Amino acid sequence: MLQIMTRSEVNQYLSSRDGESKLGQTVKLISESAPSLADLKQALCEAKTNGVQFVIVGITEDAGPRANLGRGGSSAAFSATMQQWLNLQSNRYLDGKQCLILGEISQAPLPEAASLEELRQATKELDNQVISVISQIMAAELEPIVIGGGHNNAYGMLMATKAHFNQAAAAVNLDPHSDFRPREGRHSGNGFSYAAANGALAYYHVLGLHELKNTEATLEQLSLFGGHWHSFQQIWVRREIDLSQALQQIASNLNQTQLPVALEIDVDAIAKMPSSASTFAGVPLLDACHYIHHIAKHCPCAYLHIAEAAPQCHDAGDMAGKRDVGQSVSELMYSYIQARKVS
């Protein structure tokens, strides 16, 4: 279900200071008088008319990662991000008026003892909610920035893109895992393979794929699909190609498809980021920001999807996790907005 964010909720995140203007004081919100999807579409169209370009929406769930035998915690990513994002300065670089905070697509939490079958069924049900809300945003010709939940939600994002553009997407994903696992029931490891099987994914490139974190069966399935990748070891370990060269190749190939581009990142890729499958051997946050900025600047992006951040998985505890997730995801968001902002 979609929970619309209200001004009073935004104010709870804000730490106001005399003489300063924060993004939380300038971002746009949907009125609480838009309870149905029909009303939501009209409100989003009005927001577009009033200068909004980006719609920020959270997904509050961790059934997808748990259904993939991973750790929970991704349900807290959106609130952690809003705590930081809304307190950034509104100034000449970004005044906030181009951004609308929609709210959260939420799912009732499943108990720790939930079975794999229950988790995968819940993930499948969530797909329809994601498709419905993201389709409404795209119908208003706005760009979704989606935060939180597992990478299972890439499936809903891609299906919404297919429905809006009436063609499959070309996707690029910064991720140590290809998420192209067998279609054994919905979970965070097979969002792209399900999208490909349902005609929503025509081209797929994985940046930073870890050579030893993908099964041979998954690599074979990705190869048979025609997927491409630059491995983590190629760029950051063996230095066979540098990141700038890789990004130029990726952007060129994406553009040659003449398809809408799905810009994806699993924060599992980022070193020491609290997540379901966090790693010490990962991509620096600044490289992840550069990846997002480069693709967003040079390709016709349909959306940005930032998945898998899980504050509670931080080694120093939940408070440190919320701080690190909030600051990091805020930087990723701003990298996209800088590249895409029209005015």
C-alpha atoms as a PDB file:
ATOM      1  CA  MET A   1       0.000   0.000   0.000  1.00  0.00           C
ATOM      2  CA  LEU A   2       1.146   3.564  -0.720  1.00  0.00           C
ATOM      3  CA  GLN A   3       1.491   5.832   2.309  1.00  0.00           C
ATOM      4  CA  ILE A   4       1.587   9.467   1.218  1.00  0.00           C
ATOM      5  CA  MET A   5       4.115  11.585   3.123  1.00  0.00           C
ATOM      6  CA  THR A   6       2.592  14.587   4.875  1.00  0.00           C
ATOM      7  CA  ARG A   7       4.099  17.924   5.847  1.00  0.00           C
ATOM      8  CA  SER A   8       3.935  16.994   9.531  1.00  0.00           C
ATOM      9  CA  GLU A   9       5.975  13.837   8.816  1.00  0.00           C
ATOM     10  CA  VAL A  10       8.566  15.858   6.928  1.00  0.00           C
ATOM     11  CA  ASN A  11       8.775  18.285   9.834  1.00  0.00           C
ATOM     12  CA  GLN A  12       9.548  15.406  12.189  1.00  0.00           C
ATOM     13  CA  TYR A  13      12.714  14.744  10.210  1.00  0.00           C
ATOM     14  CA  LEU A  14      13.729  18.417  10.028  1.00  0.00           C
ATOM     15  CA  SER A  15      16.267  20.131  12.229  1.00  0.00           C
ATOM     16  CA  SER A  16      15.589  23.759  11.396  1.00  0.00           C
ATOM     17  CA  ARG A  17      18.139  26.509  11.964  1.00  0.00           C
ATOM     18  CA  ASP A  18      17.726  30.270  11.776  1.00  0.00           C
ATOM     19  CA  GLY A  19      18.990  31.766   8.548  1.00  0.00           C
ATOM     20  CA  GLU A  20      19.042  28.434   6.712  1.00  0.00           C
ATOM     21  CA  SER A  21      16.697  26.850   4.198  1.00  0.00           C
ATOM     22  CA  LYS A  22      16.640  23.063   4.135  1.00  0.00           C
ATOM     23  CA  LEU A  23      15.431  20.787   1.338  1.00  0.00           C
ATOM     24  CA  GLY A  24      12.697  19.567   3.676  1.00  0.00           C
ATOM     25  CA  GLN A  25      11.292  23.092   3.724  1.00  0.00           C
ATOM     26  CA  THR A  26      11.229  23.437  -0.070  1.00  0.00           C
ATOM     27  CA  VAL A  27      10.428  19.993  -1.528  1.00  0.00           C
ATOM     28  CA  LYS A  28       6.933  19.419  -2.853  1.00  0.00           C
ATOM     29  CA  LEU A  29       4.414  16.974  -1.370  1.00  0.00           C
ATOM     30  CA  ILE A  30       1.221  15.370  -2.633  1.00  0.00           C
ATOM     31  CA  SER A  31      -1.903  16.468  -0.810  1.00  0.00           C
ATOM     32  CA  GLU A  32      -3.465  13.913   1.543  1.00  0.00           C
ATOM     33  CA  SER A  33      -6.609  14.301  -0.552  1.00  0.00           C
ATOM     34  CA  ALA A  34      -5.245  11.886  -3.180  1.00  0.00           C
ATOM     35  CA  PRO A  35      -6.266   8.509  -1.700  1.00  0.00           C
ATOM     36  CA  SER A  36      -6.760   6.629  -4.971  1.00  0.00           C
ATOM     37  CA  LEU A  37      -4.449   5.972  -7.894  1.00  0.00           C
ATOM     38  CA  ALA A  38      -6.712   8.050 -10.130  1.00  0.00           C
ATOM     39  CA  ASP A  39      -6.350  11.038  -7.790  1.00  0.00           C
ATOM     40  CA  LEU A  40      -2.630  10.364  -7.526  1.00  0.00           C
ATOM     41  CA  LYS A  41      -2.177  10.578 -11.287  1.00  0.00           C
ATOM     42  CA  GLN A  42      -3.935  13.949 -11.408  1.00  0.00           C
ATOM     43  CA  ALA A  43      -1.868  15.271  -8.491  1.00  0.00           C
ATOM     44  CA  LEU A  44       1.354  14.120 -10.141  1.00  0.00           C
ATOM     45  CA  CYS A  45       0.397  15.792 -13.417  1.00  0.00           C
ATOM     46  CA  GLU A  46      -0.219  19.027 -11.526  1.00  0.00           C
ATOM     47  CA  ALA A  47       3.158  18.679  -9.845  1.00  0.00           C
ATOM     48  CA  LYS A  48       4.762  18.296 -13.280  1.00  0.00           C
ATOM     49  CA  THR A  49       3.037  21.492 -14.421  1.00  0.00           C
ATOM     50  CA  ASN A  50       4.410  23.258 -11.335  1.00  0.00           C
ATOM     51  CA  GLY A  51       8.021  22.383 -12.113  1.00  0.00           C
ATOM     52  CA  VAL A  52       8.568  19.017 -10.436  1.00  0.00           C
ATOM     53  CA  GLN A  53      10.896  16.645 -12.311  1.00  0.00           C
ATOM     54  CA  PHE A  54      11.754  13.950  -9.762  1.00  0.00           C
ATOM     55  CA  VAL A  55       9.473  11.870  -7.543  1.00  0.00           C
ATOM     56  CA  ILE A  56      11.201  10.308  -4.545  1.00  0.00           C
ATOM     57  CA  VAL A  57       9.489   7.205  -3.221  1.00  0.00           C
ATOM     58  CA  GLY A  58      10.499   4.601  -0.674  1.00  0.00           C
ATOM     59  CA  ILE A  59       9.826   0.874  -0.586  1.00  0.00           C
ATOM     60  CA  THR A  60       9.520  -0.410   2.951  1.00  0.00           C
ATOM     61  CA  GLU A  61      10.106  -4.165   2.829  1.00  0.00           C
ATOM     62  CA  ASP A  62      12.744  -6.807   3.388  1.00  0.00           C
ATOM     63  CA  ALA A  63      10.823  -9.909   2.307  1.00  0.00           C
ATOM     64  CA  GLY A  64      12.746  -9.974  -0.988  1.00  0.00           C
ATOM     65  CA  PRO A  65      16.238 -10.293   0.525  1.00  0.00           C
ATOM     66  CA  ARG A  66      14.989 -12.748   3.136  1.00  0.00           C
ATOM     67  CA  ALA A  67      13.326 -14.808   0.392  1.00  0.00           C
ATOM     68  CA  ASN A  68      16.821 -14.997  -1.157  1.00  0.00           C
ATOM     69  CA  LEU A  69      18.236 -16.305   2.155  1.00  0.00           C
ATOM     70  CA  GLY A  70      19.741 -12.904   2.948  1.00  0.00           C
ATOM     71  CA  ARG A  71      19.492 -10.650   5.987  1.00  0.00           C
ATOM     72  CA  GLY A  72      16.569  -8.314   6.604  1.00  0.00           C
ATOM     73  CA  GLY A  73      16.717  -4.600   7.375  1.00  0.00           C
ATOM     74  CA  SER A  74      16.126  -2.998   3.979  1.00  0.00           C
ATOM     75  CA  SER A  75      12.741  -1.767   5.217  1.00  0.00           C
ATOM     76  CA  ALA A  76      14.476   1.065   7.111  1.00  0.00           C
ATOM     77  CA  ALA A  77      16.471   2.552   4.235  1.00  0.00           C
ATOM     78  CA  PHE A  78      13.937   5.194   3.169  1.00  0.00           C
ATOM     79  CA  SER A  79      13.411   6.708   6.614  1.00  0.00           C
ATOM     80  CA  ALA A  80      17.184   6.773   7.218  1.00  0.00           C
ATOM     81  CA  THR A  81      17.664   8.580   3.914  1.00  0.00           C
ATOM     82  CA  MET A  82      14.942  11.142   4.580  1.00  0.00           C
ATOM     83  CA  GLN A  83      16.545  11.964   7.931  1.00  0.00           C
ATOM     84  CA  GLN A  84      19.647  13.123   6.038  1.00  0.00           C
ATOM     85  CA  TRP A  85      18.259  14.259   2.664  1.00  0.00           C
ATOM     86  CA  LEU A  86      15.619  16.594   4.050  1.00  0.00           C
ATOM     87  CA  ASN A  87      18.212  18.362   6.202  1.00  0.00           C
ATOM     88  CA  LEU A  88      20.547  19.193   3.343  1.00  0.00           C
ATOM     89  CA  GLN A  89      20.707  22.846   2.300  1.00  0.00           C
ATOM     90  CA  SER A  90      18.382  24.336  -0.299  1.00  0.00           C
ATOM     91  CA  ASN A  91      20.601  26.651  -2.340  1.00  0.00           C
ATOM     92  CA  ARG A  92      21.768  27.620  -5.830  1.00  0.00           C
ATOM     93  CA  TYR A  93      22.841  24.043  -6.610  1.00  0.00           C
ATOM     94  CA  LEU A  94      19.492  22.483  -5.730  1.00  0.00           C
ATOM     95  CA  ASP A  95      16.583  24.404  -4.280  1.00  0.00           C
ATOM     96  CA  GLY A  96      14.401  21.315  -3.825  1.00  0.00           C
ATOM     97  CA  LYS A  97      11.429  22.570  -5.806  1.00  0.00           C
ATOM     98  CA  GLN A  98      12.160  20.076  -8.592  1.00  0.00           C
ATOM     99  CA  CYS A  99      11.661  17.197  -6.134  1.00  0.00           C
ATOM    100  CA  LEU A 100       8.452  15.710  -4.823  1.00  0.00           C
ATOM    101  CA  ILE A 101       8.531  13.343  -1.850  1.00  0.00           C
ATOM    102  CA  LEU A 102       5.687  10.926  -2.540  1.00  0.00           C
ATOM    103  CA  GLY A 103       5.912   8.551   0.401  1.00  0.00           C
ATOM    104  CA  GLU A 104       6.382   4.825   0.901  1.00  0.00           C
ATOM    105  CA  ILE A 105       5.157   1.669  -0.759  1.00  0.00           C
ATOM    106  CA  SER A 106       4.846  -0.421   2.364  1.00  0.00           C
ATOM    107  CA  GLN A 107       4.213  -4.043   3.130  1.00  0.00           C
ATOM    108  CA  ALA A 108       3.168  -5.597   6.413  1.00  0.00           C
ATOM    109  CA  PRO A 109       6.304  -7.086   7.985  1.00  0.00           C
ATOM    110  CA  LEU A 110       6.528 -10.855   8.045  1.00  0.00           C
ATOM    111  CA  PRO A 111       7.632 -12.605  11.237  1.00  0.00           C
ATOM    112  CA  GLU A 112      11.160 -13.947  11.600  1.00  0.00           C
ATOM    113  CA  ALA A 113       9.736 -17.461  11.418  1.00  0.00           C
ATOM    114  CA  ALA A 114       8.072 -16.878   8.021  1.00  0.00           C
ATOM    115  CA  SER A 115       8.718 -19.714   5.592  1.00  0.00           C
ATOM    116  CA  LEU A 116      10.558 -19.320   2.306  1.00  0.00           C
ATOM    117  CA  GLU A 117       7.276 -19.899   0.506  1.00  0.00           C
ATOM    118  CA  GLU A 118       5.544 -17.138   2.502  1.00  0.00           C
ATOM    119  CA  LEU A 119       8.400 -14.705   1.844  1.00  0.00           C
ATOM    120  CA  ARG A 120       8.381 -15.409  -1.880  1.00  0.00           C
ATOM    121  CA  GLN A 121       4.616 -15.061  -2.083  1.00  0.00           C
ATOM    122  CA  ALA A 122       4.834 -11.697  -0.279  1.00  0.00           C
ATOM    123  CA  THR A 123       7.524 -10.589  -2.715  1.00  0.00           C
ATOM    124  CA  LYS A 124       5.311 -11.534  -5.654  1.00  0.00           C
ATOM    125  CA  GLU A 125       2.394  -9.563  -4.205  1.00  0.00           C
ATOM    126  CA  LEU A 126       4.623  -6.533  -3.697  1.00  0.00           C
ATOM    127  CA  ASP A 127       5.544  -6.581  -7.406  1.00  0.00           C
ATOM    128  CA  ASN A 128       2.031  -5.483  -8.338  1.00  0.00           C
ATOM    129  CA  GLN A 129       2.094  -2.556  -5.908  1.00  0.00           C
ATOM    130  CA  VAL A 130       5.423  -1.345  -7.270  1.00  0.00           C
ATOM    131  CA  ILE A 131       4.235  -1.620 -10.879  1.00  0.00           C
ATOM    132  CA  SER A 132       1.057   0.304 -10.094  1.00  0.00           C
ATOM    133  CA  VAL A 133       2.701   3.240  -8.281  1.00  0.00           C
ATOM    134  CA  ILE A 134       5.708   3.599 -10.592  1.00  0.00           C
ATOM    135  CA  SER A 135       3.408   3.465 -13.624  1.00  0.00           C
ATOM    136  CA  GLN A 136       1.455   6.424 -12.242  1.00  0.00           C
ATOM    137  CA  ILE A 137       4.662   8.430 -11.786  1.00  0.00           C
ATOM    138  CA  MET A 138       5.853   7.679 -15.302  1.00  0.00           C
ATOM    139  CA  ALA A 139       2.434   8.446 -16.761  1.00  0.00           C
ATOM    140  CA  ALA A 140       2.878  11.991 -15.448  1.00  0.00           C
ATOM    141  CA  GLU A 141       6.227  12.171 -17.322  1.00  0.00           C
ATOM    142  CA  LEU A 142       8.156  12.358 -14.037  1.00  0.00           C
ATOM    143  CA  GLU A 143      11.337  10.501 -13.080  1.00  0.00           C
ATOM    144  CA  PRO A 144      11.095   8.105 -10.127  1.00  0.00           C
ATOM    145  CA  ILE A 145      13.950   7.915  -7.623  1.00  0.00           C
ATOM    146  CA  VAL A 146      13.207   4.776  -5.634  1.00  0.00           C
ATOM    147  CA  ILE A 147      14.913   4.019  -2.318  1.00  0.00           C
ATOM    148  CA  GLY A 148      14.865   0.986  -0.088  1.00  0.00           C
ATOM    149  CA  GLY A 149      13.652  -2.565  -0.119  1.00  0.00           C
ATOM    150  CA  GLY A 150      15.408  -5.443  -1.839  1.00  0.00           C
ATOM    151  CA  HIS A 151      16.629  -5.630  -5.408  1.00  0.00           C
ATOM    152  CA  ASN A 152      13.600  -7.784  -6.126  1.00  0.00           C
ATOM    153  CA  ASN A 153      11.847  -4.477  -6.826  1.00  0.00           C
ATOM    154  CA  ALA A 154      13.857  -4.035 -10.031  1.00  0.00           C
ATOM    155  CA  TYR A 155      11.283  -6.355 -11.577  1.00  0.00           C
ATOM    156  CA  GLY A 156       8.395  -4.006 -10.796  1.00  0.00           C
ATOM    157  CA  MET A 157      10.403  -0.997 -11.957  1.00  0.00           C
ATOM    158  CA  LEU A 158      11.215  -2.663 -15.276  1.00  0.00           C
ATOM    159  CA  MET A 159       7.652  -3.855 -15.825  1.00  0.00           C
ATOM    160  CA  ALA A 160       6.361  -0.309 -15.223  1.00  0.00           C
ATOM    161  CA  THR A 161       8.951   1.021 -17.680  1.00  0.00           C
ATOM    162  CA  LYS A 162       7.832  -1.486 -20.305  1.00  0.00           C
ATOM    163  CA  ALA A 163       4.179  -0.530 -19.802  1.00  0.00           C
ATOM    164  CA  HIS A 164       4.874   3.207 -20.062  1.00  0.00           C
ATOM    165  CA  PHE A 165       7.257   3.206 -23.029  1.00  0.00           C
ATOM    166  CA  ASN A 166       5.629   0.229 -24.737  1.00  0.00           C
ATOM    167  CA  GLN A 167       9.034  -1.398 -25.137  1.00  0.00           C
ATOM    168  CA  ALA A 168      11.574  -3.252 -23.061  1.00  0.00           C
ATOM    169  CA  ALA A 169      14.281  -1.388 -21.151  1.00  0.00           C
ATOM    170  CA  ALA A 170      18.049  -1.428 -21.356  1.00  0.00           C
ATOM    171  CA  ALA A 171      19.365  -1.772 -17.814  1.00  0.00           C
ATOM    172  CA  VAL A 172      22.709  -1.148 -16.170  1.00  0.00           C
ATOM    173  CA  ASN A 173      23.301  -2.330 -12.623  1.00  0.00           C
ATOM    174  CA  LEU A 174      26.227  -1.646 -10.271  1.00  0.00           C
ATOM    175  CA  ASP A 175      26.147  -4.869  -8.295  1.00  0.00           C
ATOM    176  CA  PRO A 176      28.479  -7.706  -7.279  1.00  0.00           C
ATOM    177  CA  HIS A 177      25.595 -10.082  -8.078  1.00  0.00           C
ATOM    178  CA  SER A 178      23.866 -10.249 -11.450  1.00  0.00           C
ATOM    179  CA  ASP A 179      20.467 -10.960  -9.831  1.00  0.00           C
ATOM    180  CA  PHE A 180      19.834 -13.232 -12.794  1.00  0.00           C
ATOM    181  CA  ARG A 181      19.229 -16.343 -10.728  1.00  0.00           C
ATOM    182  CA  PRO A 182      16.770 -19.043 -11.842  1.00  0.00           C
ATOM    183  CA  ARG A 183      13.058 -18.208 -11.695  1.00  0.00           C
ATOM    184  CA  GLU A 184      12.378 -20.352  -8.630  1.00  0.00           C
ATOM    185  CA  GLY A 185       9.919 -17.979  -6.962  1.00  0.00           C
ATOM    186  CA  ARG A 186      10.301 -14.242  -6.483  1.00  0.00           C
ATOM    187  CA  HIS A 187      13.191 -12.928  -4.409  1.00  0.00           C
ATOM    188  CA  SER A 188      15.931 -10.299  -4.532  1.00  0.00           C
ATOM    189  CA  GLY A 189      18.240 -12.483  -6.629  1.00  0.00           C
ATOM    190  CA  ASN A 190      16.075 -12.886  -9.719  1.00  0.00           C
ATOM    191  CA  GLY A 191      14.380  -9.576 -10.479  1.00  0.00           C
ATOM    192  CA  PHE A 192      16.241  -9.190 -13.781  1.00  0.00           C
ATOM    193  CA  SER A 193      15.756 -12.786 -14.943  1.00  0.00           C
ATOM    194  CA  TYR A 194      12.005 -12.487 -14.309  1.00  0.00           C
ATOM    195  CA  ALA A 195      11.942  -9.145 -16.151  1.00  0.00           C
ATOM    196  CA  ALA A 196      13.778 -10.677 -19.107  1.00  0.00           C
ATOM    197  CA  ALA A 197      11.349 -13.616 -19.220  1.00  0.00           C
ATOM    198  CA  ASN A 198       8.406 -11.204 -19.213  1.00  0.00           C
ATOM    199  CA  GLY A 199       9.720  -9.034 -22.041  1.00  0.00           C
ATOM    200  CA  ALA A 200      10.640  -6.021 -19.873  1.00  0.00           C
ATOM    201  CA  LEU A 201      14.419  -6.314 -20.249  1.00  0.00           C
ATOM    202  CA  ALA A 202      16.110  -6.336 -23.646  1.00  0.00           C
ATOM    203  CA  TYR A 203      19.683  -5.375 -22.743  1.00  0.00           C
ATOM    204  CA  TYR A 204      21.499  -5.836 -19.453  1.00  0.00           C
ATOM    205  CA  HIS A 205      24.963  -4.795 -18.262  1.00  0.00           C
ATOM    206  CA  VAL A 206      26.326  -5.529 -14.799  1.00  0.00           C
ATOM    207  CA  LEU A 207      29.106  -3.255 -13.578  1.00  0.00           C
ATOM    208  CA  GLY A 208      31.280  -4.542 -10.741  1.00  0.00           C
ATOM    209  CA  LEU A 209      30.116  -8.153 -10.968  1.00  0.00           C
ATOM    210  CA  HIS A 210      32.176 -10.184  -8.499  1.00  0.00           C
ATOM    211  CA  GLU A 211      33.752 -13.139 -10.217  1.00  0.00           C
ATOM    212  CA  LEU A 212      33.199 -15.486  -7.260  1.00  0.00           C
ATOM    213  CA  LYS A 213      29.769 -14.322  -6.044  1.00  0.00           C
ATOM    214  CA  ASN A 214      27.721 -15.652  -8.959  1.00  0.00           C
ATOM    215  CA  THR A 215      26.988 -19.312  -9.567  1.00  0.00           C
ATOM    216  CA  GLU A 216      28.071 -20.881 -12.836  1.00  0.00           C
ATOM    217  CA  ALA A 217      24.408 -21.586 -13.583  1.00  0.00           C
ATOM    218  CA  THR A 218      23.592 -17.902 -13.136  1.00  0.00           C
ATOM    219  CA  LEU A 219      26.507 -16.798 -15.328  1.00  0.00           C
ATOM    220  CA  GLU A 220      25.442 -19.289 -17.987  1.00  0.00           C
ATOM    221  CA  GLN A 221      21.857 -18.044 -17.891  1.00  0.00           C
ATOM    222  CA  LEU A 222      23.044 -14.437 -18.146  1.00  0.00           C
ATOM    223  CA  SER A 223      25.298 -15.334 -21.081  1.00  0.00           C
ATOM    224  CA  LEU A 224      22.486 -17.123 -22.902  1.00  0.00           C
ATOM    225  CA  PHE A 225      20.331 -14.009 -22.481  1.00  0.00           C
ATOM    226  CA  GLY A 226      23.097 -11.934 -24.055  1.00  0.00           C
ATOM    227  CA  GLY A 227      24.024 -10.078 -20.878  1.00  0.00           C
ATOM    228  CA  HIS A 228      27.262  -8.140 -20.522  1.00  0.00           C
ATOM    229  CA  TRP A 229      29.466  -7.257 -17.578  1.00  0.00           C
ATOM    230  CA  HIS A 230      32.655  -5.673 -16.320  1.00  0.00           C
ATOM    231  CA  SER A 231      33.808  -7.550 -13.258  1.00  0.00           C
ATOM    232  CA  PHE A 232      34.876  -5.959  -9.984  1.00  0.00           C
ATOM    233  CA  GLN A 233      38.263  -7.622 -10.401  1.00  0.00           C
ATOM    234  CA  GLN A 234      38.755  -6.279 -13.942  1.00  0.00           C
ATOM    235  CA  ILE A 235      38.367  -2.646 -12.863  1.00  0.00           C
ATOM    236  CA  TRP A 236      39.282  -2.344  -9.193  1.00  0.00           C
ATOM    237  CA  VAL A 237      41.748  -5.233  -8.684  1.00  0.00           C
ATOM    238  CA  ARG A 238      43.563  -6.132 -11.916  1.00  0.00           C
ATOM    239  CA  ARG A 239      43.103  -2.618 -13.388  1.00  0.00           C
ATOM    240  CA  GLU A 240      42.642  -4.017 -16.896  1.00  0.00           C
ATOM    241  CA  ILE A 241      40.300  -1.137 -17.686  1.00  0.00           C
ATOM    242  CA  ASP A 242      39.650   1.984 -15.692  1.00  0.00           C
ATOM    243  CA  LEU A 243      36.212   3.060 -14.523  1.00  0.00           C
ATOM    244  CA  SER A 244      35.958   6.009 -16.918  1.00  0.00           C
ATOM    245  CA  GLN A 245      36.637   3.788 -19.940  1.00  0.00           C
ATOM    246  CA  ALA A 246      34.122   1.214 -18.737  1.00  0.00           C
ATOM    247  CA  LEU A 247      31.429   3.846 -18.226  1.00  0.00           C
ATOM    248  CA  GLN A 248      32.024   5.307 -21.677  1.00  0.00           C
ATOM    249  CA  GLN A 249      31.611   1.846 -23.217  1.00  0.00           C
ATOM    250  CA  ILE A 250      28.496   1.126 -21.188  1.00  0.00           C
ATOM    251  CA  ALA A 251      26.834   4.446 -22.016  1.00  0.00           C
ATOM    252  CA  SER A 252      27.606   4.004 -25.718  1.00  0.00           C
ATOM    253  CA  ASN A 253      26.130   0.493 -25.761  1.00  0.00           C
ATOM    254  CA  LEU A 254      23.035   1.561 -23.850  1.00  0.00           C
ATOM    255  CA  ASN A 255      22.430   4.407 -26.264  1.00  0.00           C
ATOM    256  CA  GLN A 256      22.849   2.160 -29.286  1.00  0.00           C
ATOM    257  CA  THR A 257      19.831   0.137 -28.127  1.00  0.00           C
ATOM    258  CA  GLN A 258      17.624   3.277 -28.456  1.00  0.00           C
ATOM    259  CA  LEU A 259      15.663   1.978 -25.453  1.00  0.00           C
ATOM    260  CA  PRO A 260      14.733   3.697 -22.180  1.00  0.00           C
ATOM    261  CA  VAL A 261      17.531   3.157 -19.673  1.00  0.00           C
ATOM    262  CA  ALA A 262      16.978   1.641 -16.243  1.00  0.00           C
ATOM    263  CA  LEU A 263      19.649   2.906 -13.838  1.00  0.00           C
ATOM    264  CA  GLU A 264      20.130   0.447 -10.989  1.00  0.00           C
ATOM    265  CA  ILE A 265      22.445   0.170  -7.995  1.00  0.00           C
ATOM    266  CA  ASP A 266      22.601  -2.415  -5.261  1.00  0.00           C
ATOM    267  CA  VAL A 267      24.456  -0.815  -2.370  1.00  0.00           C
ATOM    268  CA  ASP A 268      25.962  -4.252  -1.659  1.00  0.00           C
ATOM    269  CA  ALA A 269      28.496  -3.082  -4.255  1.00  0.00           C
ATOM    270  CA  ILE A 270      29.762  -0.257  -2.018  1.00  0.00           C
ATOM    271  CA  ALA A 271      32.512  -1.012   0.491  1.00  0.00           C
ATOM    272  CA  LYS A 272      31.333  -1.243   4.115  1.00  0.00           C
ATOM    273  CA  MET A 273      27.763  -0.209   3.276  1.00  0.00           C
ATOM    274  CA  PRO A 274      25.217  -1.721   5.691  1.00  0.00           C
ATOM    275  CA  SER A 275      23.188  -4.110   3.547  1.00  0.00           C
ATOM    276  CA  SER A 276      21.882  -7.638   3.245  1.00  0.00           C
ATOM    277  CA  ALA A 277      25.191  -8.799   1.749  1.00  0.00           C
ATOM    278  CA  SER A 278      27.632  -6.105   2.849  1.00  0.00           C
ATOM    279  CA  THR A 279      31.294  -6.354   1.855  1.00  0.00           C
ATOM    280  CA  PHE A 280      34.661  -4.888   2.790  1.00  0.00           C
ATOM    281  CA  ALA A 281      35.986  -5.558  -0.739  1.00  0.00           C
ATOM    282  CA  GLY A 282      33.706  -3.173  -2.555  1.00  0.00           C
ATOM    283  CA  VAL A 283      33.477  -0.096  -4.738  1.00  0.00           C
ATOM    284  CA  PRO A 284      34.248   3.286  -3.113  1.00  0.00           C
ATOM    285  CA  LEU A 285      31.146   5.417  -2.551  1.00  0.00           C
ATOM    286  CA  LEU A 286      32.578   8.194  -4.735  1.00  0.00           C
ATOM    287  CA  ASP A 287      32.968   5.750  -7.644  1.00  0.00           C
ATOM    288  CA  ALA A 288      29.333   4.701  -7.177  1.00  0.00           C
ATOM    289  CA  CYS A 289      28.303   8.374  -7.289  1.00  0.00           C
ATOM    290  CA  HIS A 290      30.357   8.884 -10.452  1.00  0.00           C
ATOM    291  CA  TYR A 291      28.727   5.830 -12.063  1.00  0.00           C
ATOM    292  CA  ILE A 292      25.255   7.224 -11.413  1.00  0.00           C
ATOM    293  CA  HIS A 293      26.173  10.719 -12.571  1.00  0.00           C
ATOM    294  CA  HIS A 294      27.842   9.520 -15.783  1.00  0.00           C
ATOM    295  CA  ILE A 295      25.022   7.226 -16.897  1.00  0.00           C
ATOM    296  CA  ALA A 296      22.334   9.740 -15.908  1.00  0.00           C
ATOM    297  CA  LYS A 297      24.089  12.499 -17.840  1.00  0.00           C
ATOM    298  CA  HIS A 298      24.784  10.545 -21.017  1.00  0.00           C
ATOM    299  CA  CYS A 299      21.770   8.202 -21.296  1.00  0.00           C
ATOM    300  CA  PRO A 300      17.954   8.602 -21.473  1.00  0.00           C
ATOM    301  CA  CYS A 301      17.245   7.307 -17.973  1.00  0.00           C
ATOM    302  CA  ALA A 302      13.712   6.323 -17.028  1.00  0.00           C
ATOM    303  CA  TYR A 303      14.461   6.081 -13.300  1.00  0.00           C
ATOM    304  CA  LEU A 304      17.025   5.582 -10.551  1.00  0.00           C
ATOM    305  CA  HIS A 305      16.638   2.601  -8.219  1.00  0.00           C
ATOM    306  CA  ILE A 306      18.801   2.383  -5.055  1.00  0.00           C
ATOM    307  CA  ALA A 307      18.265  -1.005  -3.428  1.00  0.00           C
ATOM    308  CA  GLU A 308      19.302  -3.151  -0.451  1.00  0.00           C
ATOM    309  CA  ALA A 309      20.533  -0.581   2.089  1.00  0.00           C
ATOM    310  CA  ALA A 310      19.887  -2.005   5.564  1.00  0.00           C
ATOM    311  CA  PRO A 311      20.839   0.265   8.480  1.00  0.00           C
ATOM    312  CA  GLN A 312      20.441  -2.444  11.117  1.00  0.00           C
ATOM    313  CA  CYS A 313      23.213  -4.476   9.457  1.00  0.00           C
ATOM    314  CA  HIS A 314      25.880  -1.921  10.432  1.00  0.00           C
ATOM    315  CA  ASP A 315      28.625  -3.390  12.624  1.00  0.00           C
ATOM    316  CA  ALA A 316      28.326  -0.453  15.042  1.00  0.00           C
ATOM    317  CA  GLY A 317      24.555  -0.746  15.421  1.00  0.00           C
ATOM    318  CA  ASP A 318      21.356   0.749  14.105  1.00  0.00           C
ATOM    319  CA  MET A 319      22.119   4.424  14.832  1.00  0.00           C
ATOM    320  CA  ALA A 320      25.413   4.291  12.960  1.00  0.00           C
ATOM    321  CA  GLY A 321      23.683   2.373  10.175  1.00  0.00           C
ATOM    322  CA  LYS A 322      21.001   5.014   9.757  1.00  0.00           C
ATOM    323  CA  ARG A 323      23.642   7.745   9.599  1.00  0.00           C
ATOM    324  CA  ASP A 324      25.821   5.962   7.046  1.00  0.00           C
ATOM    325  CA  VAL A 325      22.914   4.800   4.885  1.00  0.00           C
ATOM    326  CA  GLY A 326      21.255   8.208   4.992  1.00  0.00           C
ATOM    327  CA  GLN A 327      24.366  10.127   4.026  1.00  0.00           C
ATOM    328  CA  SER A 328      25.437   7.654   1.338  1.00  0.00           C
ATOM    329  CA  VAL A 329      22.062   7.305  -0.359  1.00  0.00           C
ATOM    330  CA  SER A 330      21.621  11.080  -0.277  1.00  0.00           C
ATOM    331  CA  GLU A 331      24.888  11.459  -2.206  1.00  0.00           C
ATOM    332  CA  LEU A 332      23.756   8.862  -4.756  1.00  0.00           C
ATOM    333  CA  MET A 333      20.447  10.681  -5.211  1.00  0.00           C
ATOM    334  CA  TYR A 334      22.116  14.043  -5.670  1.00  0.00           C
ATOM    335  CA  SER A 335      24.514  12.554  -8.250  1.00  0.00           C
ATOM    336  CA  TYR A 336      21.487  11.561 -10.332  1.00  0.00           C
ATOM    337  CA  ILE A 337      19.646  14.847  -9.863  1.00  0.00           C
ATOM    338  CA  GLN A 338      22.725  16.909 -10.792  1.00  0.00           C
ATOM    339  CA  ALA A 339      23.010  15.036 -14.073  1.00  0.00           C
ATOM    340  CA  ARG A 340      19.313  15.044 -14.963  1.00  0.00           C
ATOM    341  CA  LYS A 341      18.088  18.391 -13.645  1.00  0.00           C
ATOM    342  CA  VAL A 342      16.607  20.489 -16.424  1.00  0.00           C
ATOM    343  CA  SER A 343      16.871  23.857 -14.688  1.00  0.00           C
END
